[in-house]
Amino acid sequence: MVGGPLERADRRPDPLPLARPAPESRRHARNHRRSVLGFRPLPSPSTLDSLLRPLRLLLRQWLRLQPADSLVRQQDLVGLTGEVLLGCHRDQRGLVRLRVRDCWIDARAYGSDERPLLRGDRVLVLHHQDDHLWVTRLEATYPWPSP
């Protein structure tokens, strides 16, 4: 019996085929040319997903551990410097602009100096009381005497 099932099982496949099979698509041909020219073919999206999954999980865990508080409290404003928008005298209410977490905040403030606060003055927030801030003029002081 020629060409029977036993004869086919005895035949071994050729270990080194002489020619590669024809590419199924243009993409396969392009990747084949890249591998021949020394470039590696791009991995498939599923391969990239499986490679990046551990990194994605670590990043997600790290982001969960980070505090995500965008609320600006009055005590967060103490110690910040700002600019006077609406001038005021001592114990009068004015308006100051402060920079908090990459955004500008306009807040009502009282001056604590004898001299009036004028528009454009730099101020330092001393403390907060109720819904108002107490500020003082921020003046440049040098540790050495001027000549």
N, C-alpha and C. Protein backbone atom coordinates (compact mmCIF):
# COMPACT_ATOMS: atom_id res chain seq x y z
N MET A 1 0.84 -1.16 0.00
CA MET A 1 0.00 0.00 0.00
C MET A 1 0.90 1.23 0.00
N VAL A 2 0.93 1.90 -1.07
CA VAL A 2 1.78 3.07 -1.22
C VAL A 2 0.97 4.31 -0.86
N GLY A 3 1.60 5.17 -0.05
CA GLY A 3 0.93 6.41 0.35
C GLY A 3 -0.09 6.21 1.44
N GLY A 4 0.02 5.11 2.19
CA GLY A 4 -0.91 4.84 3.27
C GLY A 4 -0.56 5.64 4.51
N PRO A 5 -1.29 5.43 5.58
CA PRO A 5 -1.08 6.20 6.79
C PRO A 5 0.26 5.94 7.44
N LEU A 6 0.79 4.74 7.34
CA LEU A 6 2.08 4.46 7.97
C LEU A 6 3.22 5.18 7.27
N GLU A 7 3.13 5.25 5.99
CA GLU A 7 4.21 5.90 5.23
C GLU A 7 4.25 7.40 5.53
N ARG A 8 3.11 8.02 5.66
CA ARG A 8 3.07 9.46 5.96
C ARG A 8 3.62 9.74 7.36
N ALA A 9 3.36 8.89 8.31
CA ALA A 9 3.84 9.10 9.67
C ALA A 9 5.34 8.90 9.76
N ASP A 10 5.90 8.06 8.91
CA ASP A 10 7.34 7.82 8.94
C ASP A 10 8.13 8.97 8.35
N ARG A 11 7.50 9.74 7.48
CA ARG A 11 8.23 10.85 6.88
C ARG A 11 8.46 11.94 7.91
N ARG A 12 9.64 12.43 7.98
CA ARG A 12 9.96 13.52 8.90
C ARG A 12 9.91 14.85 8.15
N PRO A 13 9.48 15.89 8.83
CA PRO A 13 9.49 17.19 8.15
C PRO A 13 10.91 17.67 7.95
N ASP A 14 11.09 18.46 6.94
CA ASP A 14 12.41 19.01 6.63
C ASP A 14 12.78 19.99 7.74
N PRO A 15 13.93 19.80 8.45
CA PRO A 15 14.28 20.68 9.58
C PRO A 15 14.58 22.11 9.16
N LEU A 16 15.13 22.33 8.01
CA LEU A 16 15.46 23.68 7.55
C LEU A 16 14.81 23.92 6.20
N PRO A 17 13.67 24.55 6.17
CA PRO A 17 13.08 24.82 4.86
C PRO A 17 13.94 25.83 4.12
N LEU A 18 14.03 25.68 2.83
CA LEU A 18 14.89 26.54 2.03
C LEU A 18 14.27 27.92 1.79
N ALA A 19 12.99 27.98 1.70
CA ALA A 19 12.34 29.27 1.43
C ALA A 19 11.24 29.50 2.45
N ARG A 20 11.04 30.75 2.80
CA ARG A 20 9.96 31.09 3.72
C ARG A 20 8.64 31.07 2.95
N PRO A 21 7.57 30.82 3.67
CA PRO A 21 6.27 30.87 2.98
C PRO A 21 5.96 32.31 2.56
N ALA A 22 5.14 32.45 1.58
CA ALA A 22 4.78 33.78 1.07
C ALA A 22 4.03 34.55 2.15
N PRO A 23 4.31 35.84 2.27
CA PRO A 23 3.62 36.64 3.29
C PRO A 23 2.13 36.76 2.97
N GLU A 24 1.31 36.76 4.03
CA GLU A 24 -0.13 36.83 3.83
C GLU A 24 -0.60 38.26 3.55
N SER A 25 0.13 39.23 4.06
CA SER A 25 -0.34 40.61 3.88
C SER A 25 0.86 41.54 3.70
N ARG A 26 0.54 42.77 3.39
CA ARG A 26 1.61 43.77 3.23
C ARG A 26 2.32 44.03 4.55
N ARG A 27 1.56 44.03 5.64
CA ARG A 27 2.16 44.27 6.96
C ARG A 27 3.17 43.18 7.28
N HIS A 28 2.81 41.94 7.01
CA HIS A 28 3.73 40.83 7.27
C HIS A 28 4.98 41.00 6.41
N ALA A 29 4.81 41.41 5.15
CA ALA A 29 5.96 41.61 4.27
C ALA A 29 6.84 42.74 4.79
N ARG A 30 6.21 43.82 5.27
CA ARG A 30 6.99 44.95 5.79
C ARG A 30 7.79 44.52 7.02
N ASN A 31 7.14 43.78 7.94
CA ASN A 31 7.85 43.30 9.12
C ASN A 31 8.96 42.33 8.75
N HIS A 32 8.72 41.52 7.72
CA HIS A 32 9.75 40.58 7.28
C HIS A 32 10.95 41.35 6.74
N ARG A 33 10.68 42.40 5.93
CA ARG A 33 11.79 43.20 5.40
C ARG A 33 12.56 43.88 6.52
N ARG A 34 11.86 44.37 7.53
CA ARG A 34 12.55 45.01 8.65
C ARG A 34 13.43 44.02 9.39
N SER A 35 12.94 42.81 9.59
CA SER A 35 13.76 41.84 10.32
C SER A 35 14.96 41.43 9.49
N VAL A 36 14.83 41.39 8.17
CA VAL A 36 15.96 41.04 7.31
C VAL A 36 16.97 42.17 7.31
N LEU A 37 16.51 43.42 7.33
CA LEU A 37 17.41 44.57 7.27
C LEU A 37 18.01 44.93 8.62
N GLY A 38 17.65 44.24 9.68
CA GLY A 38 18.22 44.52 10.98
C GLY A 38 17.28 45.19 11.95
N PHE A 39 16.10 45.57 11.50
CA PHE A 39 15.11 46.16 12.38
C PHE A 39 14.25 45.06 12.97
N ARG A 40 13.79 45.29 14.16
CA ARG A 40 12.86 44.33 14.76
C ARG A 40 11.45 44.72 14.39
N PRO A 41 10.61 43.76 14.13
CA PRO A 41 9.22 44.11 13.86
C PRO A 41 8.55 44.62 15.13
N LEU A 42 7.58 45.47 14.96
CA LEU A 42 6.85 46.02 16.10
C LEU A 42 6.01 44.93 16.73
N PRO A 43 5.96 44.90 18.06
CA PRO A 43 5.12 43.88 18.70
C PRO A 43 3.65 44.20 18.50
N SER A 44 2.85 43.20 18.57
CA SER A 44 1.41 43.38 18.39
C SER A 44 0.84 44.11 19.60
N PRO A 45 -0.33 44.72 19.45
CA PRO A 45 -0.93 45.42 20.60
C PRO A 45 -1.18 44.52 21.80
N SER A 46 -1.54 43.27 21.56
CA SER A 46 -1.77 42.37 22.70
C SER A 46 -0.47 42.08 23.44
N THR A 47 0.65 42.01 22.70
CA THR A 47 1.95 41.79 23.34
C THR A 47 2.33 43.02 24.16
N LEU A 48 2.13 44.20 23.60
CA LEU A 48 2.42 45.43 24.34
C LEU A 48 1.56 45.53 25.59
N ASP A 49 0.30 45.16 25.48
CA ASP A 49 -0.59 45.21 26.64
C ASP A 49 -0.10 44.27 27.73
N SER A 50 0.31 43.08 27.36
CA SER A 50 0.78 42.13 28.38
C SER A 50 2.11 42.57 28.97
N LEU A 51 2.94 43.27 28.20
CA LEU A 51 4.22 43.76 28.73
C LEU A 51 4.02 44.95 29.66
N LEU A 52 3.06 45.80 29.35
CA LEU A 52 2.86 47.02 30.13
C LEU A 52 1.88 46.85 31.29
N ARG A 53 1.22 45.72 31.39
CA ARG A 53 0.24 45.51 32.45
C ARG A 53 0.85 45.66 33.85
N PRO A 54 2.02 45.06 34.17
CA PRO A 54 2.58 45.26 35.52
C PRO A 54 2.90 46.72 35.81
N LEU A 55 3.42 47.43 34.82
CA LEU A 55 3.72 48.85 35.01
C LEU A 55 2.44 49.64 35.26
N ARG A 56 1.40 49.31 34.53
CA ARG A 56 0.13 50.00 34.70
C ARG A 56 -0.45 49.74 36.09
N LEU A 57 -0.34 48.51 36.58
CA LEU A 57 -0.84 48.19 37.91
C LEU A 57 -0.06 48.91 39.00
N LEU A 58 1.27 48.98 38.84
CA LEU A 58 2.09 49.71 39.82
C LEU A 58 1.75 51.19 39.83
N LEU A 59 1.57 51.76 38.65
CA LEU A 59 1.23 53.18 38.56
C LEU A 59 -0.13 53.45 39.21
N ARG A 60 -1.08 52.57 38.99
CA ARG A 60 -2.41 52.75 39.59
C ARG A 60 -2.33 52.67 41.12
N GLN A 61 -1.54 51.72 41.65
CA GLN A 61 -1.39 51.62 43.10
C GLN A 61 -0.72 52.86 43.67
N TRP A 62 0.30 53.37 42.98
CA TRP A 62 1.01 54.56 43.45
C TRP A 62 0.07 55.76 43.46
N LEU A 63 -0.76 55.89 42.42
CA LEU A 63 -1.69 57.02 42.38
C LEU A 63 -2.76 56.91 43.47
N ARG A 64 -3.16 55.71 43.82
CA ARG A 64 -4.13 55.55 44.90
C ARG A 64 -3.56 55.97 46.24
N LEU A 65 -2.25 55.81 46.43
CA LEU A 65 -1.63 56.16 47.70
C LEU A 65 -1.40 57.67 47.84
N GLN A 66 -1.39 58.39 46.72
CA GLN A 66 -1.14 59.83 46.76
C GLN A 66 -2.38 60.56 47.26
N PRO A 67 -2.20 61.55 48.13
CA PRO A 67 -3.37 62.31 48.57
C PRO A 67 -3.89 63.17 47.42
N ALA A 68 -5.16 63.12 47.20
CA ALA A 68 -5.78 63.88 46.11
C ALA A 68 -6.78 64.85 46.71
N ASP A 69 -6.27 65.88 47.38
CA ASP A 69 -7.12 66.84 48.05
C ASP A 69 -7.00 68.17 47.32
N SER A 70 -8.01 68.54 46.60
CA SER A 70 -7.98 69.81 45.89
C SER A 70 -8.68 70.92 46.66
N LEU A 71 -9.17 70.61 47.84
CA LEU A 71 -9.85 71.59 48.67
C LEU A 71 -8.84 72.55 49.29
N VAL A 72 -9.08 73.84 49.16
CA VAL A 72 -8.21 74.86 49.76
C VAL A 72 -8.86 75.32 51.05
N ARG A 73 -8.19 75.10 52.15
CA ARG A 73 -8.71 75.49 53.46
C ARG A 73 -8.09 76.83 53.86
N GLN A 74 -8.72 77.48 54.82
CA GLN A 74 -8.21 78.77 55.28
C GLN A 74 -6.82 78.63 55.90
N GLN A 75 -6.58 77.54 56.64
CA GLN A 75 -5.27 77.38 57.27
C GLN A 75 -4.17 77.11 56.23
N ASP A 76 -4.54 76.69 55.02
CA ASP A 76 -3.54 76.51 53.96
C ASP A 76 -3.01 77.85 53.47
N LEU A 77 -3.74 78.92 53.70
CA LEU A 77 -3.36 80.24 53.20
C LEU A 77 -2.38 80.95 54.13
N VAL A 78 -2.30 80.53 55.38
CA VAL A 78 -1.42 81.20 56.34
C VAL A 78 0.04 80.99 55.92
N GLY A 79 0.78 82.09 55.86
CA GLY A 79 2.19 82.03 55.47
C GLY A 79 2.43 82.30 54.00
N LEU A 80 1.37 82.41 53.21
CA LEU A 80 1.53 82.69 51.79
C LEU A 80 1.67 84.20 51.57
N THR A 81 2.28 84.54 50.47
CA THR A 81 2.39 85.95 50.09
C THR A 81 1.42 86.21 48.95
N GLY A 82 0.98 87.44 48.87
CA GLY A 82 0.05 87.80 47.82
C GLY A 82 0.14 89.27 47.49
N GLU A 83 -0.80 89.73 46.70
CA GLU A 83 -0.82 91.11 46.24
C GLU A 83 -2.17 91.73 46.60
N VAL A 84 -2.13 92.98 47.02
CA VAL A 84 -3.36 93.69 47.40
C VAL A 84 -4.07 94.14 46.12
N LEU A 85 -5.34 93.77 46.02
CA LEU A 85 -6.16 94.22 44.89
C LEU A 85 -7.01 95.43 45.26
N LEU A 86 -7.52 95.42 46.48
CA LEU A 86 -8.34 96.52 46.98
C LEU A 86 -7.73 96.98 48.30
N GLY A 87 -7.16 98.18 48.29
CA GLY A 87 -6.46 98.68 49.46
C GLY A 87 -7.38 98.88 50.66
N CYS A 88 -6.76 98.93 51.84
CA CYS A 88 -7.55 99.11 53.06
C CYS A 88 -6.67 99.71 54.15
N HIS A 89 -7.32 100.31 55.16
CA HIS A 89 -6.63 100.81 56.34
C HIS A 89 -6.68 99.74 57.41
N ARG A 90 -6.10 100.05 58.56
CA ARG A 90 -6.09 99.10 59.68
C ARG A 90 -7.54 98.79 60.09
N ASP A 91 -7.81 97.51 60.31
CA ASP A 91 -9.13 97.01 60.70
C ASP A 91 -10.22 97.30 59.67
N GLN A 92 -9.84 97.54 58.44
CA GLN A 92 -10.80 97.64 57.36
C GLN A 92 -10.59 96.47 56.40
N ARG A 93 -11.66 96.12 55.76
CA ARG A 93 -11.58 94.96 54.87
C ARG A 93 -11.11 95.37 53.48
N GLY A 94 -10.18 94.59 52.95
CA GLY A 94 -9.69 94.78 51.59
C GLY A 94 -9.74 93.44 50.85
N LEU A 95 -9.05 93.40 49.73
CA LEU A 95 -9.05 92.19 48.91
C LEU A 95 -7.61 91.88 48.51
N VAL A 96 -7.20 90.63 48.70
CA VAL A 96 -5.85 90.21 48.31
C VAL A 96 -5.96 89.02 47.36
N ARG A 97 -4.96 88.88 46.51
CA ARG A 97 -4.89 87.75 45.58
C ARG A 97 -3.70 86.89 45.95
N LEU A 98 -3.97 85.59 46.17
CA LEU A 98 -2.93 84.63 46.57
C LEU A 98 -2.85 83.52 45.53
N ARG A 99 -1.66 82.96 45.39
CA ARG A 99 -1.47 81.82 44.48
C ARG A 99 -1.36 80.56 45.32
N VAL A 100 -2.33 79.66 45.14
CA VAL A 100 -2.39 78.41 45.90
C VAL A 100 -2.54 77.26 44.90
N ARG A 101 -1.59 76.32 44.94
CA ARG A 101 -1.67 75.11 44.10
C ARG A 101 -1.94 75.44 42.64
N ASP A 102 -1.15 76.30 42.08
CA ASP A 102 -1.22 76.69 40.67
C ASP A 102 -2.55 77.33 40.27
N CYS A 103 -3.21 77.99 41.19
CA CYS A 103 -4.39 78.76 40.84
C CYS A 103 -4.43 80.02 41.71
N TRP A 104 -5.11 81.02 41.23
CA TRP A 104 -5.21 82.29 41.94
C TRP A 104 -6.50 82.32 42.75
N ILE A 105 -6.39 82.82 43.98
CA ILE A 105 -7.55 82.94 44.87
C ILE A 105 -7.63 84.37 45.36
N ASP A 106 -8.80 84.97 45.23
CA ASP A 106 -9.05 86.30 45.78
C ASP A 106 -9.75 86.11 47.12
N ALA A 107 -9.19 86.71 48.18
CA ALA A 107 -9.75 86.53 49.52
C ALA A 107 -9.91 87.88 50.20
N ARG A 108 -10.91 87.97 51.08
CA ARG A 108 -11.10 89.18 51.88
C ARG A 108 -10.08 89.19 53.00
N ALA A 109 -9.50 90.35 53.23
CA ALA A 109 -8.44 90.43 54.24
C ALA A 109 -8.52 91.75 54.98
N TYR A 110 -8.02 91.71 56.21
CA TYR A 110 -7.88 92.90 57.04
C TYR A 110 -6.40 93.21 57.18
N GLY A 111 -6.07 94.49 57.16
CA GLY A 111 -4.69 94.90 57.39
C GLY A 111 -4.38 94.99 58.87
N SER A 112 -3.18 94.60 59.24
CA SER A 112 -2.81 94.65 60.66
C SER A 112 -1.75 95.72 60.91
N ASP A 113 -1.36 96.47 59.89
CA ASP A 113 -0.35 97.52 60.04
C ASP A 113 -1.02 98.86 60.34
N GLU A 114 -0.19 99.78 60.88
CA GLU A 114 -0.68 101.14 61.10
C GLU A 114 -0.84 101.86 59.76
N ARG A 115 0.08 101.57 58.85
CA ARG A 115 0.00 102.21 57.54
C ARG A 115 -1.04 101.51 56.67
N PRO A 116 -1.72 102.23 55.80
CA PRO A 116 -2.73 101.59 54.94
C PRO A 116 -2.06 100.70 53.88
N LEU A 117 -2.77 99.67 53.51
CA LEU A 117 -2.31 98.81 52.42
C LEU A 117 -2.83 99.39 51.11
N LEU A 118 -1.93 99.58 50.18
CA LEU A 118 -2.29 100.16 48.89
C LEU A 118 -2.33 99.08 47.82
N ARG A 119 -3.05 99.38 46.77
CA ARG A 119 -3.14 98.42 45.66
C ARG A 119 -1.75 98.13 45.10
N GLY A 120 -1.44 96.84 44.91
CA GLY A 120 -0.14 96.43 44.38
C GLY A 120 0.88 96.08 45.44
N ASP A 121 0.60 96.38 46.72
CA ASP A 121 1.54 96.03 47.80
C ASP A 121 1.61 94.51 47.95
N ARG A 122 2.80 94.04 48.31
CA ARG A 122 2.98 92.62 48.62
C ARG A 122 2.66 92.42 50.09
N VAL A 123 1.88 91.39 50.40
CA VAL A 123 1.47 91.14 51.78
C VAL A 123 1.74 89.69 52.15
N LEU A 124 1.81 89.46 53.46
CA LEU A 124 2.01 88.13 54.03
C LEU A 124 0.79 87.82 54.89
N VAL A 125 0.22 86.63 54.71
CA VAL A 125 -0.96 86.22 55.49
C VAL A 125 -0.48 85.77 56.86
N LEU A 126 -0.97 86.43 57.93
CA LEU A 126 -0.56 86.10 59.29
C LEU A 126 -1.44 85.02 59.91
N HIS A 127 -2.75 85.20 59.85
CA HIS A 127 -3.66 84.19 60.38
C HIS A 127 -5.04 84.41 59.78
N HIS A 128 -5.93 83.48 60.05
CA HIS A 128 -7.29 83.61 59.55
C HIS A 128 -8.25 83.60 60.74
N GLN A 129 -9.33 84.30 60.57
CA GLN A 129 -10.35 84.35 61.62
C GLN A 129 -11.70 84.43 60.90
N ASP A 130 -12.58 83.51 61.25
CA ASP A 130 -13.87 83.38 60.58
C ASP A 130 -13.63 83.17 59.07
N ASP A 131 -14.09 84.11 58.27
CA ASP A 131 -13.92 83.96 56.83
C ASP A 131 -12.96 85.00 56.26
N HIS A 132 -12.15 85.62 57.13
CA HIS A 132 -11.25 86.69 56.70
C HIS A 132 -9.81 86.34 57.05
N LEU A 133 -8.90 86.95 56.30
CA LEU A 133 -7.47 86.78 56.56
C LEU A 133 -6.93 88.07 57.16
N TRP A 134 -5.94 87.92 58.01
CA TRP A 134 -5.22 89.07 58.55
C TRP A 134 -3.86 89.09 57.88
N VAL A 135 -3.54 90.23 57.25
CA VAL A 135 -2.30 90.32 56.47
C VAL A 135 -1.46 91.49 56.97
N THR A 136 -0.19 91.43 56.66
CA THR A 136 0.73 92.52 56.96
C THR A 136 1.56 92.80 55.71
N ARG A 137 2.02 94.03 55.63
CA ARG A 137 2.82 94.43 54.48
C ARG A 137 4.14 93.65 54.49
N LEU A 138 4.53 93.16 53.35
CA LEU A 138 5.77 92.42 53.20
C LEU A 138 6.81 93.39 52.64
N GLU A 139 7.75 93.76 53.50
CA GLU A 139 8.77 94.71 53.08
C GLU A 139 10.10 93.99 52.99
N ALA A 140 10.90 94.41 52.06
CA ALA A 140 12.22 93.80 51.91
C ALA A 140 13.12 94.29 53.03
N THR A 141 13.60 93.38 53.83
CA THR A 141 14.55 93.73 54.89
C THR A 141 15.84 93.00 54.60
N TYR A 142 16.93 93.68 54.81
CA TYR A 142 18.25 93.11 54.53
C TYR A 142 18.97 92.88 55.86
N PRO A 143 19.73 91.81 55.96
CA PRO A 143 20.43 91.53 57.21
C PRO A 143 21.62 92.46 57.45
N TRP A 144 21.97 93.25 56.47
CA TRP A 144 23.10 94.16 56.65
C TRP A 144 22.60 95.61 56.53
N PRO A 145 23.29 96.52 57.17
CA PRO A 145 22.87 97.93 57.08
C PRO A 145 23.16 98.48 55.69
N SER A 146 22.30 99.36 55.26
CA SER A 146 22.53 99.97 53.94
C SER A 146 23.62 101.02 54.06
N PRO A 147 24.45 101.18 53.04
CA PRO A 147 25.56 102.16 53.13
C PRO A 147 25.11 103.59 53.05
